[in-house]
N, C-alpha and C. Protein backbone atom coordinates (compact mmCIF):
# COMPACT_ATOMS: atom_id res chain seq x y z
N UNK A 1 -37.85 -27.31 -7.90
CA UNK A 1 -38.54 -26.55 -7.57
C UNK A 1 -38.14 -25.73 -6.83
N UNK A 2 -37.73 -26.19 -5.91
CA UNK A 2 -37.81 -25.60 -4.43
C UNK A 2 -36.37 -25.00 -4.55
N UNK A 3 -35.48 -24.68 -5.75
CA UNK A 3 -34.40 -23.89 -5.70
C UNK A 3 -35.17 -22.39 -6.67
N UNK A 4 -35.99 -22.64 -7.98
CA UNK A 4 -36.64 -21.86 -8.49
C UNK A 4 -37.50 -21.04 -8.36
N UNK A 5 -37.45 -21.73 -6.93
CA UNK A 5 -38.36 -20.26 -5.58
C UNK A 5 -38.05 -19.39 -5.15
N UNK A 6 -36.11 -20.55 -5.15
CA UNK A 6 -35.74 -19.97 -3.79
C UNK A 6 -35.22 -19.03 -4.88
N UNK A 7 -33.99 -19.06 -5.58
CA UNK A 7 -33.43 -18.36 -6.09
C UNK A 7 -34.34 -17.47 -7.92
N UNK A 8 -34.77 -16.38 -7.86
CA UNK A 8 -35.28 -16.06 -8.58
C UNK A 8 -34.42 -15.44 -9.63
N UNK A 9 -34.77 -15.45 -11.33
CA UNK A 9 -34.29 -14.78 -12.02
C UNK A 9 -33.52 -13.34 -11.90
N UNK A 10 -32.53 -13.30 -12.50
CA UNK A 10 -32.44 -11.87 -12.53
C UNK A 10 -32.41 -11.19 -13.61
N UNK A 11 -32.71 -9.85 -13.67
CA UNK A 11 -33.48 -8.50 -14.41
C UNK A 11 -32.60 -8.70 -15.79
N UNK A 12 -32.51 -8.69 -16.37
CA UNK A 12 -31.47 -7.98 -17.42
C UNK A 12 -30.61 -6.23 -16.81
N UNK A 13 -31.35 -5.91 -16.46
CA UNK A 13 -30.67 -4.26 -15.89
C UNK A 13 -29.94 -4.88 -15.06
N UNK A 14 -30.26 -6.18 -14.05
CA UNK A 14 -29.58 -6.79 -12.49
C UNK A 14 -28.71 -7.72 -12.59
N UNK A 15 -28.14 -8.21 -14.88
CA UNK A 15 -27.63 -9.10 -14.65
C UNK A 15 -26.26 -9.35 -14.43
N UNK A 16 -25.40 -8.69 -14.45
CA UNK A 16 -23.90 -8.18 -13.94
C UNK A 16 -24.09 -7.51 -12.34
N UNK A 17 -25.04 -7.21 -11.96
CA UNK A 17 -24.72 -6.78 -10.41
C UNK A 17 -24.59 -7.95 -9.47
N UNK A 18 -24.02 -8.05 -8.31
CA UNK A 18 -23.20 -9.35 -7.79
C UNK A 18 -25.24 -9.59 -6.96
N UNK A 19 -25.25 -10.57 -6.60
CA UNK A 19 -26.24 -11.06 -6.15
C UNK A 19 -26.56 -11.54 -3.72
N UNK A 20 -27.28 -10.47 -4.07
CA UNK A 20 -27.32 -10.44 -2.40
C UNK A 20 -28.02 -12.20 -2.50
N UNK A 21 -26.96 -12.50 -0.93
CA UNK A 21 -27.56 -14.43 -0.74
C UNK A 21 -28.81 -14.40 -0.39
N UNK A 22 -28.79 -15.36 -0.78
CA UNK A 22 -30.88 -15.83 -0.14
C UNK A 22 -30.73 -15.84 1.33
N UNK A 23 -32.25 -15.64 1.95
CA UNK A 23 -32.17 -15.15 3.30
C UNK A 23 -31.71 -16.23 3.81
N UNK A 24 -31.75 -16.36 5.26
CA UNK A 24 -31.00 -18.45 5.93
C UNK A 24 -32.07 -18.88 5.75
N UNK A 25 -33.18 -18.25 5.82
CA UNK A 25 -35.12 -19.52 6.29
C UNK A 25 -34.25 -20.66 5.06
N UNK A 26 -34.21 -19.38 3.74
CA UNK A 26 -34.43 -20.38 1.88
C UNK A 26 -32.98 -21.50 2.56
N UNK A 27 -32.01 -20.77 3.04
CA UNK A 27 -30.98 -21.81 2.35
C UNK A 27 -30.81 -23.20 3.75
N UNK A 28 -31.34 -22.41 4.49
CA UNK A 28 -31.84 -24.12 5.58
C UNK A 28 -33.23 -25.20 4.68
N UNK A 29 -34.04 -24.37 4.25
CA UNK A 29 -35.09 -25.27 3.88
C UNK A 29 -33.73 -26.34 2.78
N UNK A 30 -33.15 -25.87 1.53
CA UNK A 30 -32.70 -25.84 0.44
C UNK A 30 -31.67 -26.84 1.28
N UNK A 31 -31.01 -26.44 2.21
CA UNK A 31 -29.86 -27.83 3.03
C UNK A 31 -30.98 -29.24 4.00
N UNK A 32 -32.35 -28.54 3.57
CA UNK A 32 -32.87 -29.68 5.14
C UNK A 32 -32.63 -30.43 3.88
N UNK A 33 -33.35 -30.35 2.14
CA UNK A 33 -33.66 -31.34 2.15
C UNK A 33 -32.76 -32.25 0.81
N UNK A 34 -30.91 -31.41 0.50
CA UNK A 34 -30.35 -31.76 0.17
C UNK A 34 -30.02 -32.38 1.23
N UNK A 35 -29.74 -32.95 2.60
CA UNK A 35 -30.14 -33.57 3.42
C UNK A 35 -30.49 -35.56 3.39
N UNK A 36 -31.94 -34.96 2.34
CA UNK A 36 -32.37 -36.33 2.66
C UNK A 36 -31.87 -37.11 1.19
N UNK A 37 -31.22 -36.15 0.00
CA UNK A 37 -30.90 -36.53 -1.10
C UNK A 37 -30.03 -38.20 -1.24
N UNK A 38 -29.84 -39.02 -1.30
CA UNK A 38 -29.30 -40.16 -1.19
C UNK A 38 -28.17 -40.51 -2.26
N UNK A 39 -27.34 -41.43 -3.05
CA UNK A 39 -26.49 -41.42 -4.10
C UNK A 39 -27.91 -42.54 -5.17
N UNK A 40 -28.89 -42.94 -4.74
CA UNK A 40 -29.97 -44.08 -6.18
C UNK A 40 -30.54 -42.49 -5.93
N UNK A 41 -30.89 -41.65 -5.27
CA UNK A 41 -32.40 -39.89 -5.79
C UNK A 41 -31.28 -39.85 -7.33
N UNK A 42 -30.07 -39.73 -7.25
CA UNK A 42 -29.20 -39.41 -8.33
C UNK A 42 -28.47 -40.21 -9.90
N UNK A 43 -30.28 -41.10 -9.34
CA UNK A 43 -29.07 -42.84 -10.27
C UNK A 43 -27.90 -43.11 -10.43
N UNK A 44 -26.78 -42.46 -8.39
CA UNK A 44 -25.58 -43.37 -9.11
C UNK A 44 -25.90 -45.37 -7.69
N UNK A 45 -25.15 -46.13 -8.66
CA UNK A 45 -25.94 -47.32 -7.87
C UNK A 45 -24.68 -47.56 -6.57
N UNK A 46 -26.07 -48.41 -6.29
CA UNK A 46 -24.96 -48.45 -3.98
C UNK A 46 -23.93 -50.20 -4.74
N UNK A 47 -24.21 -50.14 -6.01
CA UNK A 47 -22.95 -51.84 -6.01
C UNK A 47 -22.28 -51.29 -6.85
N UNK A 48 -21.69 -50.42 -7.73
CA UNK A 48 -20.40 -49.36 -8.01
C UNK A 48 -19.94 -48.05 -7.10
N UNK A 49 -20.56 -48.06 -5.51
CA UNK A 49 -19.23 -46.60 -5.12
C UNK A 49 -17.60 -47.15 -5.18
N UNK A 50 -16.98 -47.94 -5.49
CA UNK A 50 -16.08 -47.73 -5.26
C UNK A 50 -15.47 -47.59 -6.45
N UNK A 51 -14.14 -47.50 -6.78
CA UNK A 51 -12.70 -47.72 -7.61
C UNK A 51 -13.15 -48.33 -8.30
N UNK A 52 -13.34 -49.40 -8.89
CA UNK A 52 -13.65 -49.99 -9.68
C UNK A 52 -13.69 -49.46 -11.50
N UNK A 53 -13.57 -49.80 -12.23
CA UNK A 53 -13.59 -49.52 -13.89
C UNK A 53 -12.91 -49.00 -14.38
N UNK A 54 -11.24 -48.92 -13.89
CA UNK A 54 -11.14 -47.73 -13.70
C UNK A 54 -11.00 -46.04 -13.73
N UNK A 55 -11.71 -46.36 -12.25
CA UNK A 55 -12.27 -44.90 -10.97
C UNK A 55 -13.39 -44.57 -11.50
N UNK A 56 -14.40 -44.45 -12.59
CA UNK A 56 -15.74 -44.77 -12.55
C UNK A 56 -17.05 -45.28 -12.90
N UNK A 57 -16.75 -46.06 -11.57
CA UNK A 57 -17.77 -46.81 -11.74
C UNK A 57 -19.38 -46.69 -10.72
N UNK A 58 -19.07 -45.16 -11.07
CA UNK A 58 -20.48 -44.90 -9.67
C UNK A 58 -21.98 -44.25 -10.85
N UNK A 59 -21.99 -44.46 -11.69
CA UNK A 59 -23.23 -44.23 -12.58
C UNK A 59 -23.89 -45.03 -13.26
N UNK A 60 -25.02 -44.86 -13.03
CA UNK A 60 -26.07 -46.22 -13.79
C UNK A 60 -27.40 -45.38 -13.87
N UNK A 61 -26.95 -43.94 -15.46
CA UNK A 61 -27.93 -42.65 -14.75
C UNK A 61 -28.50 -42.55 -16.10
N UNK A 62 -29.77 -42.06 -16.90
CA UNK A 62 -30.73 -41.02 -17.29
C UNK A 62 -29.50 -41.06 -18.49
N UNK A 63 -28.72 -40.02 -17.18
CA UNK A 63 -28.21 -38.01 -17.75
C UNK A 63 -26.79 -38.45 -18.80
N UNK A 64 -26.54 -39.93 -18.14
CA UNK A 64 -25.03 -40.06 -18.62
C UNK A 64 -25.01 -41.77 -19.56
N UNK A 65 -26.26 -42.81 -19.86
CA UNK A 65 -26.56 -43.22 -21.09
C UNK A 65 -25.84 -43.59 -22.14
N UNK A 66 -24.94 -44.14 -22.30
CA UNK A 66 -24.17 -44.18 -23.54
C UNK A 66 -23.23 -43.37 -23.44
N UNK A 67 -22.70 -43.07 -22.61
CA UNK A 67 -21.49 -41.85 -23.14
C UNK A 67 -19.85 -43.11 -22.92
N UNK A 68 -19.13 -42.47 -22.71
CA UNK A 68 -18.42 -43.80 -23.38
C UNK A 68 -17.22 -43.01 -21.81
N UNK A 69 -16.90 -44.68 -20.96
CA UNK A 69 -16.62 -44.16 -19.11
C UNK A 69 -15.06 -43.97 -20.10
N UNK A 70 -14.28 -43.23 -19.42
CA UNK A 70 -12.78 -42.69 -19.88
C UNK A 70 -11.89 -43.54 -18.41
N UNK A 71 -10.66 -43.85 -19.15
CA UNK A 71 -9.87 -44.86 -18.22
C UNK A 71 -9.68 -42.99 -17.20
N UNK A 72 -9.15 -43.31 -16.07
CA UNK A 72 -8.52 -42.63 -15.18
C UNK A 72 -7.70 -41.84 -15.24
N UNK A 73 -6.72 -42.48 -15.70
CA UNK A 73 -5.84 -41.16 -16.22
C UNK A 73 -6.40 -40.31 -16.89
N UNK A 74 -7.07 -40.70 -18.21
CA UNK A 74 -7.48 -40.08 -18.92
C UNK A 74 -8.79 -38.67 -18.54
N UNK A 75 -9.48 -38.81 -17.80
CA UNK A 75 -10.49 -37.48 -16.65
C UNK A 75 -10.58 -38.86 -15.32
N UNK A 76 -9.95 -38.42 -14.96
CA UNK A 76 -10.00 -38.68 -13.67
C UNK A 76 -11.32 -38.16 -12.57
N UNK A 77 -11.46 -36.50 -12.10
CA UNK A 77 -13.00 -36.78 -12.28
C UNK A 77 -14.45 -36.43 -13.49
N UNK A 78 -15.92 -36.53 -12.65
CA UNK A 78 -16.59 -36.74 -13.54
C UNK A 78 -17.38 -35.85 -13.34
N UNK A 79 -18.16 -34.85 -14.30
CA UNK A 79 -18.63 -34.11 -13.70
C UNK A 79 -19.95 -34.63 -14.39
N UNK A 80 -21.58 -34.69 -13.58
CA UNK A 80 -22.60 -34.95 -14.27
C UNK A 80 -23.26 -33.80 -13.50
N UNK A 81 -24.20 -32.75 -14.73
CA UNK A 81 -24.26 -32.21 -15.81
C UNK A 81 -26.26 -31.91 -15.35
N UNK A 82 -26.98 -31.67 -13.72
CA UNK A 82 -27.71 -31.69 -13.73
C UNK A 82 -28.90 -30.69 -14.27
N UNK A 83 -28.51 -29.92 -14.31
CA UNK A 83 -29.60 -28.61 -14.58
C UNK A 83 -28.32 -26.93 -14.03
N UNK A 84 -29.65 -25.80 -15.25
CA UNK A 84 -29.08 -24.78 -15.01
C UNK A 84 -29.71 -23.50 -15.89
N UNK A 85 -29.60 -22.92 -14.72
CA UNK A 85 -30.26 -21.52 -15.92
C UNK A 85 -30.05 -20.52 -15.56
N UNK A 86 -30.35 -19.32 -15.09
CA UNK A 86 -29.62 -17.70 -14.73
C UNK A 86 -29.78 -17.66 -13.77
N UNK A 87 -30.11 -18.42 -12.98
CA UNK A 87 -30.23 -18.16 -10.87
C UNK A 87 -29.17 -19.06 -10.25
N UNK A 88 -29.22 -20.19 -11.09
CA UNK A 88 -28.66 -21.24 -10.23
C UNK A 88 -28.52 -22.45 -11.78
N UNK A 89 -27.40 -23.32 -10.82
CA UNK A 89 -27.14 -24.38 -11.27
C UNK A 89 -26.58 -25.43 -10.09
N UNK A 90 -26.84 -27.20 -10.47
CA UNK A 90 -27.11 -27.61 -10.17
C UNK A 90 -26.36 -29.54 -10.89
N UNK A 91 -25.29 -29.72 -9.63
CA UNK A 91 -24.31 -30.88 -10.96
C UNK A 91 -23.31 -31.25 -9.96
N UNK A 92 -23.10 -33.01 -10.10
CA UNK A 92 -22.35 -33.76 -9.22
C UNK A 92 -20.98 -33.61 -10.14
N UNK A 93 -19.49 -34.05 -9.22
CA UNK A 93 -18.81 -33.27 -9.32
C UNK A 93 -17.93 -35.19 -8.32
N UNK A 94 -18.57 -36.19 -9.46
CA UNK A 94 -17.50 -37.98 -8.67
C UNK A 94 -15.54 -37.46 -8.88
N UNK A 95 -15.38 -38.07 -7.44
CA UNK A 95 -13.72 -38.01 -7.40
C UNK A 95 -13.65 -39.23 -7.30
N UNK A 96 -12.45 -39.84 -7.91
CA UNK A 96 -11.69 -40.99 -7.80
C UNK A 96 -11.30 -41.36 -6.50
N UNK A 97 -9.95 -41.90 -5.62
CA UNK A 97 -9.69 -42.06 -4.59
C UNK A 97 -8.33 -40.82 -5.08
N UNK A 98 -7.93 -40.09 -4.21
CA UNK A 98 -7.33 -39.02 -4.61
C UNK A 98 -7.08 -38.55 -5.06
N UNK A 99 -8.36 -38.04 -6.51
CA UNK A 99 -8.16 -36.21 -6.49
C UNK A 99 -8.48 -35.69 -5.78
N UNK A 100 -7.92 -34.46 -7.20
CA UNK A 100 -7.87 -33.20 -6.56
C UNK A 100 -8.49 -32.56 -7.55
N UNK A 101 -9.09 -30.86 -6.75
CA UNK A 101 -10.03 -30.08 -7.56
C UNK A 101 -9.43 -29.23 -6.95
N UNK A 102 -8.54 -28.26 -7.20
CA UNK A 102 -7.84 -27.27 -6.73
C UNK A 102 -8.67 -26.12 -5.71
N UNK A 103 -7.58 -25.26 -5.77
CA UNK A 103 -7.92 -24.22 -4.88
C UNK A 103 -8.36 -23.54 -6.28
N UNK A 104 -10.01 -23.09 -5.47
CA UNK A 104 -10.86 -22.16 -6.63
C UNK A 104 -11.15 -21.22 -5.91
N UNK A 105 -12.81 -19.74 -6.48
CA UNK A 105 -12.97 -19.28 -5.64
C UNK A 105 -14.99 -19.12 -6.41
N UNK A 106 -15.19 -18.85 -5.42
CA UNK A 106 -17.19 -18.82 -6.05
C UNK A 106 -17.52 -16.46 -5.98
N UNK A 107 -17.36 -16.67 -6.80
CA UNK A 107 -17.05 -14.94 -6.93
C UNK A 107 -18.75 -14.59 -6.56
N UNK A 108 -18.83 -13.65 -5.39
CA UNK A 108 -19.47 -13.45 -5.19
C UNK A 108 -21.33 -14.82 -6.26
N UNK A 109 -20.87 -15.44 -5.18
CA UNK A 109 -21.90 -16.85 -5.35
C UNK A 109 -22.42 -17.00 -3.75
N UNK A 110 -23.52 -18.14 -3.92
CA UNK A 110 -23.11 -19.00 -2.92
C UNK A 110 -23.92 -20.19 -3.04
N UNK A 111 -23.03 -20.84 -2.53
CA UNK A 111 -22.77 -23.12 -2.92
C UNK A 111 -23.38 -24.05 -1.22
N UNK A 112 -24.09 -24.62 -1.73
CA UNK A 112 -24.93 -25.63 -0.74
C UNK A 112 -23.55 -26.90 -2.25
N UNK A 113 -23.45 -27.70 -1.19
CA UNK A 113 -22.64 -28.78 -1.20
C UNK A 113 -22.86 -29.90 -0.21
N UNK A 114 -23.58 -31.73 -0.95
CA UNK A 114 -23.35 -32.34 -0.23
C UNK A 114 -22.71 -33.91 -0.50
N UNK A 115 -21.74 -33.98 0.00
CA UNK A 115 -21.55 -35.66 -0.27
C UNK A 115 -22.32 -36.33 -0.06
N UNK A 116 -22.27 -36.78 -1.10
CA UNK A 116 -23.50 -38.21 -1.78
C UNK A 116 -23.09 -39.82 -0.88
N UNK A 117 -22.12 -40.23 -1.24
CA UNK A 117 -20.76 -41.00 -0.72
C UNK A 117 -19.60 -40.73 -0.49
N UNK A 118 -19.11 -41.40 0.49
CA UNK A 118 -16.64 -41.62 0.50
C UNK A 118 -17.27 -40.34 1.38
N UNK A 119 -15.29 -40.13 1.57
CA UNK A 119 -14.79 -39.30 1.80
C UNK A 119 -14.08 -38.50 1.02
N UNK A 120 -13.32 -37.12 2.02
CA UNK A 120 -13.44 -35.31 1.21
C UNK A 120 -12.65 -35.08 2.57
N UNK A 121 -11.13 -34.85 1.93
CA UNK A 121 -10.16 -34.16 1.97
C UNK A 121 -10.97 -31.92 2.16
N UNK A 122 -11.50 -31.00 3.23
CA UNK A 122 -11.73 -30.00 2.53
C UNK A 122 -11.18 -28.96 3.20
N UNK A 123 -10.35 -27.81 2.66
CA UNK A 123 -10.12 -27.51 2.67
C UNK A 123 -9.89 -25.32 2.14
N UNK A 124 -11.12 -24.87 3.48
CA UNK A 124 -10.88 -24.04 2.60
C UNK A 124 -10.39 -22.37 3.19
N UNK A 125 -11.14 -21.50 2.61
CA UNK A 125 -10.35 -19.67 3.02
C UNK A 125 -11.60 -18.87 3.27
N UNK A 126 -11.47 -17.76 3.49
CA UNK A 126 -12.22 -16.03 3.21
C UNK A 126 -11.11 -15.54 3.47
N UNK A 127 -11.06 -14.46 1.90
CA UNK A 127 -10.67 -13.50 1.45
C UNK A 127 -10.43 -12.84 2.93
N UNK A 128 -9.60 -11.96 3.84
CA UNK A 128 -9.11 -10.58 4.83
C UNK A 128 -9.64 -9.96 4.40
N UNK A 129 -11.05 -8.39 4.58
CA UNK A 129 -10.96 -7.69 4.78
C UNK A 129 -11.07 -6.71 5.76
N UNK A 130 -10.61 -4.93 5.09
CA UNK A 130 -10.29 -4.80 3.81
C UNK A 130 -8.86 -5.09 2.94
N UNK A 131 -9.35 -5.38 1.86
CA UNK A 131 -7.07 -5.92 1.10
C UNK A 131 -6.87 -6.02 1.60
N UNK A 132 -6.06 -6.93 2.51
CA UNK A 132 -4.53 -6.92 1.74
C UNK A 132 -3.55 -7.57 0.89
N UNK A 133 -2.47 -6.64 0.49
CA UNK A 133 -1.80 -7.52 -1.07
C UNK A 133 -0.50 -6.99 -0.80
N UNK A 134 -0.30 -8.73 -1.18
CA UNK A 134 1.57 -7.94 -1.33
C UNK A 134 1.84 -6.30 -2.24
N UNK A 135 3.27 -6.66 -2.19
CA UNK A 135 3.68 -5.32 -3.23
C UNK A 135 3.72 -5.52 -4.55
N UNK A 136 3.76 -6.80 -4.70
CA UNK A 136 4.10 -6.80 -6.65
C UNK A 136 2.09 -7.25 -6.68
N UNK A 137 1.12 -7.35 -6.04
CA UNK A 137 -0.10 -7.04 -6.41
C UNK A 137 -0.35 -9.11 -6.10
N UNK A 138 0.03 -9.55 -6.76
CA UNK A 138 -0.25 -11.21 -7.42
C UNK A 138 -0.40 -12.39 -5.90
N UNK A 139 -0.86 -10.96 -4.39
CA UNK A 139 -0.54 -12.23 -2.70
C UNK A 139 -1.39 -11.21 -2.42
N UNK A 140 -2.57 -12.64 -2.00
CA UNK A 140 -3.46 -10.86 -1.73
C UNK A 140 -3.96 -12.16 0.05
N UNK A 141 -4.74 -11.74 1.31
CA UNK A 141 -4.73 -11.65 2.52
C UNK A 141 -5.42 -12.88 2.64
N UNK A 142 -5.45 -14.18 3.32
CA UNK A 142 -6.74 -14.66 3.51
C UNK A 142 -6.87 -16.15 4.71
N UNK A 143 -7.82 -16.28 5.19
CA UNK A 143 -7.57 -16.56 7.15
C UNK A 143 -8.47 -17.82 6.60
N UNK A 144 -8.41 -19.02 7.38
CA UNK A 144 -9.07 -20.29 6.91
C UNK A 144 -9.82 -20.63 7.76
N UNK A 145 -10.63 -21.17 6.02
CA UNK A 145 -11.71 -21.26 7.72
C UNK A 145 -11.63 -22.95 8.06
N UNK A 146 -12.18 -24.31 7.27
CA UNK A 146 -11.75 -25.29 7.66
C UNK A 146 -11.02 -26.64 6.79
N UNK A 147 -10.58 -26.99 7.81
CA UNK A 147 -9.85 -27.48 6.80
C UNK A 147 -9.79 -29.38 7.67
N UNK A 148 -10.32 -29.77 7.05
CA UNK A 148 -11.65 -31.21 7.97
C UNK A 148 -11.70 -32.36 6.45
N UNK A 149 -12.07 -33.60 6.87
CA UNK A 149 -12.30 -34.98 6.45
C UNK A 149 -13.41 -34.65 6.53
N UNK A 150 -14.46 -35.02 5.17
CA UNK A 150 -15.76 -34.57 5.48
C UNK A 150 -16.15 -36.53 4.08
N UNK A 151 -17.09 -37.25 5.67
CA UNK A 151 -17.38 -38.20 5.25
C UNK A 151 -18.95 -38.39 5.07
N UNK A 152 -19.22 -39.35 3.94
CA UNK A 152 -20.78 -39.22 4.51
C UNK A 152 -21.30 -40.56 4.92
N UNK A 153 -22.23 -40.45 5.86
CA UNK A 153 -23.67 -39.11 5.61
C UNK A 153 -23.25 -37.55 6.51
N UNK A 154 -23.35 -36.96 5.68
CA UNK A 154 -22.55 -35.42 7.28
C UNK A 154 -23.96 -34.83 6.11
N UNK A 155 -23.61 -33.04 7.05
CA UNK A 155 -24.67 -32.35 6.60
C UNK A 155 -24.40 -31.24 5.77
N UNK A 156 -25.34 -30.54 4.71
CA UNK A 156 -24.86 -30.42 3.82
C UNK A 156 -24.34 -28.93 3.92
N UNK A 157 -23.21 -28.54 3.76
CA UNK A 157 -22.76 -27.81 3.57
C UNK A 157 -22.77 -26.39 3.19
N UNK A 158 -22.54 -25.31 3.61
CA UNK A 158 -22.73 -23.50 2.59
C UNK A 158 -22.12 -22.60 2.90
N UNK A 159 -21.84 -22.79 1.62
CA UNK A 159 -20.62 -21.08 1.26
C UNK A 159 -20.92 -19.98 1.20
N UNK A 160 -20.31 -18.98 1.25
CA UNK A 160 -21.24 -17.41 0.87
C UNK A 160 -20.60 -16.63 0.35
N UNK A 161 -21.04 -15.54 -0.44
CA UNK A 161 -19.53 -15.34 -1.38
C UNK A 161 -18.66 -14.27 -0.70
N UNK A 162 -19.10 -13.93 0.69
CA UNK A 162 -18.33 -13.36 1.66
C UNK A 162 -17.24 -14.77 2.89
N UNK A 163 -18.44 -15.11 2.75
CA UNK A 163 -17.96 -16.34 4.02
C UNK A 163 -17.92 -17.37 4.32
N UNK A 164 -17.57 -18.61 5.01
CA UNK A 164 -17.44 -20.20 4.51
C UNK A 164 -16.78 -21.08 4.16
N UNK A 165 -16.66 -20.16 3.76
CA UNK A 165 -14.93 -20.78 2.84
C UNK A 165 -15.29 -21.01 1.69
N UNK A 166 -15.72 -19.42 1.34
CA UNK A 166 -15.90 -19.18 -0.69
C UNK A 166 -14.36 -20.27 -1.92
N UNK A 167 -13.27 -20.05 -0.93
CA UNK A 167 -12.18 -20.49 -2.09
C UNK A 167 -12.34 -21.94 -0.42
N UNK A 168 -12.20 -22.84 -1.93
CA UNK A 168 -11.95 -24.07 -1.02
C UNK A 168 -11.55 -25.26 -2.07
N UNK A 169 -10.37 -26.57 -2.03
CA UNK A 169 -10.16 -27.32 -2.10
C UNK A 169 -10.22 -28.70 -2.23
N UNK A 170 -10.39 -29.84 -2.37
CA UNK A 170 -11.20 -30.82 -2.23
C UNK A 170 -9.35 -32.22 -2.61
N UNK A 171 -9.94 -33.26 -1.86
CA UNK A 171 -9.05 -34.63 -2.27
C UNK A 171 -9.83 -35.04 -1.13
N UNK A 172 -9.78 -35.85 -2.09
CA UNK A 172 -10.07 -37.10 -2.14
C UNK A 172 -9.93 -37.89 -1.65
N UNK A 173 -10.37 -38.84 0.02
CA UNK A 173 -9.72 -39.39 1.31
C UNK A 173 -9.96 -40.92 0.25
N UNK A 174 -11.71 -41.53 -0.32
CA UNK A 174 -11.83 -42.37 -1.10
C UNK A 174 -13.19 -41.56 -2.10
N UNK A 175 -13.09 -42.32 -2.51
CA UNK A 175 -14.34 -42.32 -3.99
C UNK A 175 -15.57 -41.53 -3.69
N UNK A 176 -15.11 -40.00 -4.16
CA UNK A 176 -16.82 -39.71 -3.23
C UNK A 176 -17.12 -39.23 -4.79
N UNK A 177 -18.75 -38.95 -3.96
CA UNK A 177 -19.74 -38.02 -5.12
C UNK A 177 -20.35 -36.82 -4.80
N UNK A 178 -19.99 -35.48 -4.89
CA UNK A 178 -20.97 -34.37 -4.62
C UNK A 178 -21.32 -33.39 -4.87
N UNK A 179 -22.76 -32.60 -5.12
CA UNK A 179 -24.17 -33.00 -5.15
C UNK A 179 -24.02 -31.36 -4.99
N UNK A 180 -24.23 -30.06 -5.70
CA UNK A 180 -23.28 -28.77 -5.74
C UNK A 180 -24.80 -28.14 -6.55
N UNK A 181 -24.78 -27.43 -5.23
CA UNK A 181 -26.08 -26.40 -6.08
C UNK A 181 -25.04 -25.13 -6.04
N UNK A 182 -24.98 -24.00 -7.43
CA UNK A 182 -23.90 -22.77 -7.24
C UNK A 182 -25.44 -21.61 -7.63
N UNK A 183 -25.48 -20.52 -6.39
CA UNK A 183 -26.76 -19.45 -6.91
C UNK A 183 -25.49 -18.35 -6.84
N UNK A 184 -26.07 -16.97 -7.72
CA UNK A 184 -25.59 -17.89 -9.25
C UNK A 184 -25.46 -18.85 -9.70
N UNK A 185 -25.12 -18.77 -11.03
CA UNK A 185 -24.19 -20.42 -11.26
C UNK A 185 -22.78 -19.04 -11.99
N UNK A 186 -21.94 -20.09 -12.22
CA UNK A 186 -20.08 -19.53 -12.80
C UNK A 186 -20.54 -18.69 -14.63
N UNK A 187 -20.95 -17.54 -14.77
CA UNK A 187 -21.39 -16.71 -15.63
C UNK A 187 -19.90 -15.84 -15.99
N UNK A 188 -19.31 -15.70 -17.21
CA UNK A 188 -17.90 -14.43 -17.69
C UNK A 188 -18.72 -13.61 -18.09
N UNK A 189 -19.80 -13.22 -18.17
CA UNK A 189 -20.63 -12.03 -19.00
C UNK A 189 -20.51 -11.34 -17.83
N UNK A 190 -20.95 -11.93 -16.87
CA UNK A 190 -21.53 -11.36 -15.19
C UNK A 190 -20.34 -11.14 -13.71
N UNK A 191 -19.41 -11.48 -14.86
CA UNK A 191 -18.12 -11.22 -14.14
C UNK A 191 -17.84 -12.52 -13.42
N UNK A 192 -18.06 -13.07 -12.64
CA UNK A 192 -18.37 -14.82 -12.00
C UNK A 192 -18.02 -15.22 -12.37
N UNK A 193 -16.11 -15.92 -13.35
CA UNK A 193 -15.62 -16.00 -13.32
C UNK A 193 -14.58 -17.17 -12.30
N UNK A 194 -14.76 -18.88 -12.61
CA UNK A 194 -13.80 -19.21 -11.75
C UNK A 194 -11.82 -18.90 -11.90
N UNK A 195 -11.91 -18.71 -11.14
CA UNK A 195 -9.52 -17.91 -10.10
C UNK A 195 -9.77 -18.69 -9.66
N UNK A 196 -8.61 -19.52 -9.70
CA UNK A 196 -7.93 -20.74 -9.88
C UNK A 196 -6.23 -20.34 -8.32
N UNK A 197 -6.37 -20.61 -7.38
CA UNK A 197 -5.44 -20.48 -6.72
C UNK A 197 -3.74 -20.86 -5.73
N UNK A 198 -3.25 -21.11 -5.11
CA UNK A 198 -1.73 -21.13 -4.89
C UNK A 198 -2.06 -20.98 -2.84
N UNK A 199 -2.01 -21.38 -2.19
CA UNK A 199 -1.85 -21.28 -1.10
C UNK A 199 -0.63 -21.62 -0.26
N UNK A 200 0.10 -20.71 -0.19
CA UNK A 200 0.80 -20.34 1.23
C UNK A 200 1.30 -19.40 2.75
N UNK A 201 1.82 -19.76 3.10
CA UNK A 201 2.06 -19.44 4.61
C UNK A 201 2.10 -17.98 4.67
N UNK A 202 1.57 -17.00 5.75
CA UNK A 202 1.91 -16.02 5.59
C UNK A 202 3.03 -15.46 5.87
N UNK A 203 4.12 -16.65 6.28
CA UNK A 203 4.96 -16.21 6.69
C UNK A 203 6.11 -16.00 5.96
N UNK A 204 5.61 -16.16 4.72
CA UNK A 204 6.04 -16.34 3.36
C UNK A 204 6.68 -14.95 2.55
N UNK A 205 5.27 -13.85 3.45
CA UNK A 205 4.87 -12.69 2.94
C UNK A 205 4.38 -11.91 4.05
N UNK A 206 4.71 -11.89 5.19
CA UNK A 206 4.69 -11.18 6.11
C UNK A 206 5.45 -9.73 6.07
N UNK A 207 6.57 -10.26 5.10
CA UNK A 207 7.46 -9.10 4.99
C UNK A 207 7.57 -7.57 4.48
N UNK A 208 6.75 -8.33 3.63
CA UNK A 208 6.80 -7.71 1.93
C UNK A 208 4.69 -7.14 1.92
N UNK A 209 4.22 -6.61 3.48
CA UNK A 209 2.91 -6.76 3.57
C UNK A 209 2.79 -4.94 4.58
N UNK A 210 2.33 -4.09 4.27
CA UNK A 210 2.63 -2.60 4.76
C UNK A 210 1.13 -2.76 5.54
């Protein structure tokens, strides 16, 4: 309900236009609420937060009741879809130990993330503006925003379209779950497409930069 009040649905004429980041006061309100959410609030059982049961022993939820449990090697990361509309989406990523979500971006999006349990390594970047690219146009310069291990309980993190670590990767240090609010959500027709990247040291390309 708070997200509905905070992120109004775009009008048809503005659906493809870049969304302005929400006001700082609105971000603080949602962050504060997310800080209070526990695993039990979203159907995560306190007695199954480890890697037992093939790496997916974390859900006893009405959202996924009756769903088949996949073996770790078949589906190492589970996504629980909570809600989505034109203005925002809510979901939970569950990662067994050592699982990786590769470096990716959130174009034109504000994203709030709350680690519900466990521990993960987060590495994130922001693009350097104005754009600096190598001669082959496949390389773009980014600056490191964070390279940290976050362990629950910890505050909700926020990234913005141009700052806060809009490109990031996750590696679970211990079995973990992350609650995400994306505003607006990915939408191909609006140009919000998830792109994956490889990161290389600046020294690998500095000779090709103008």
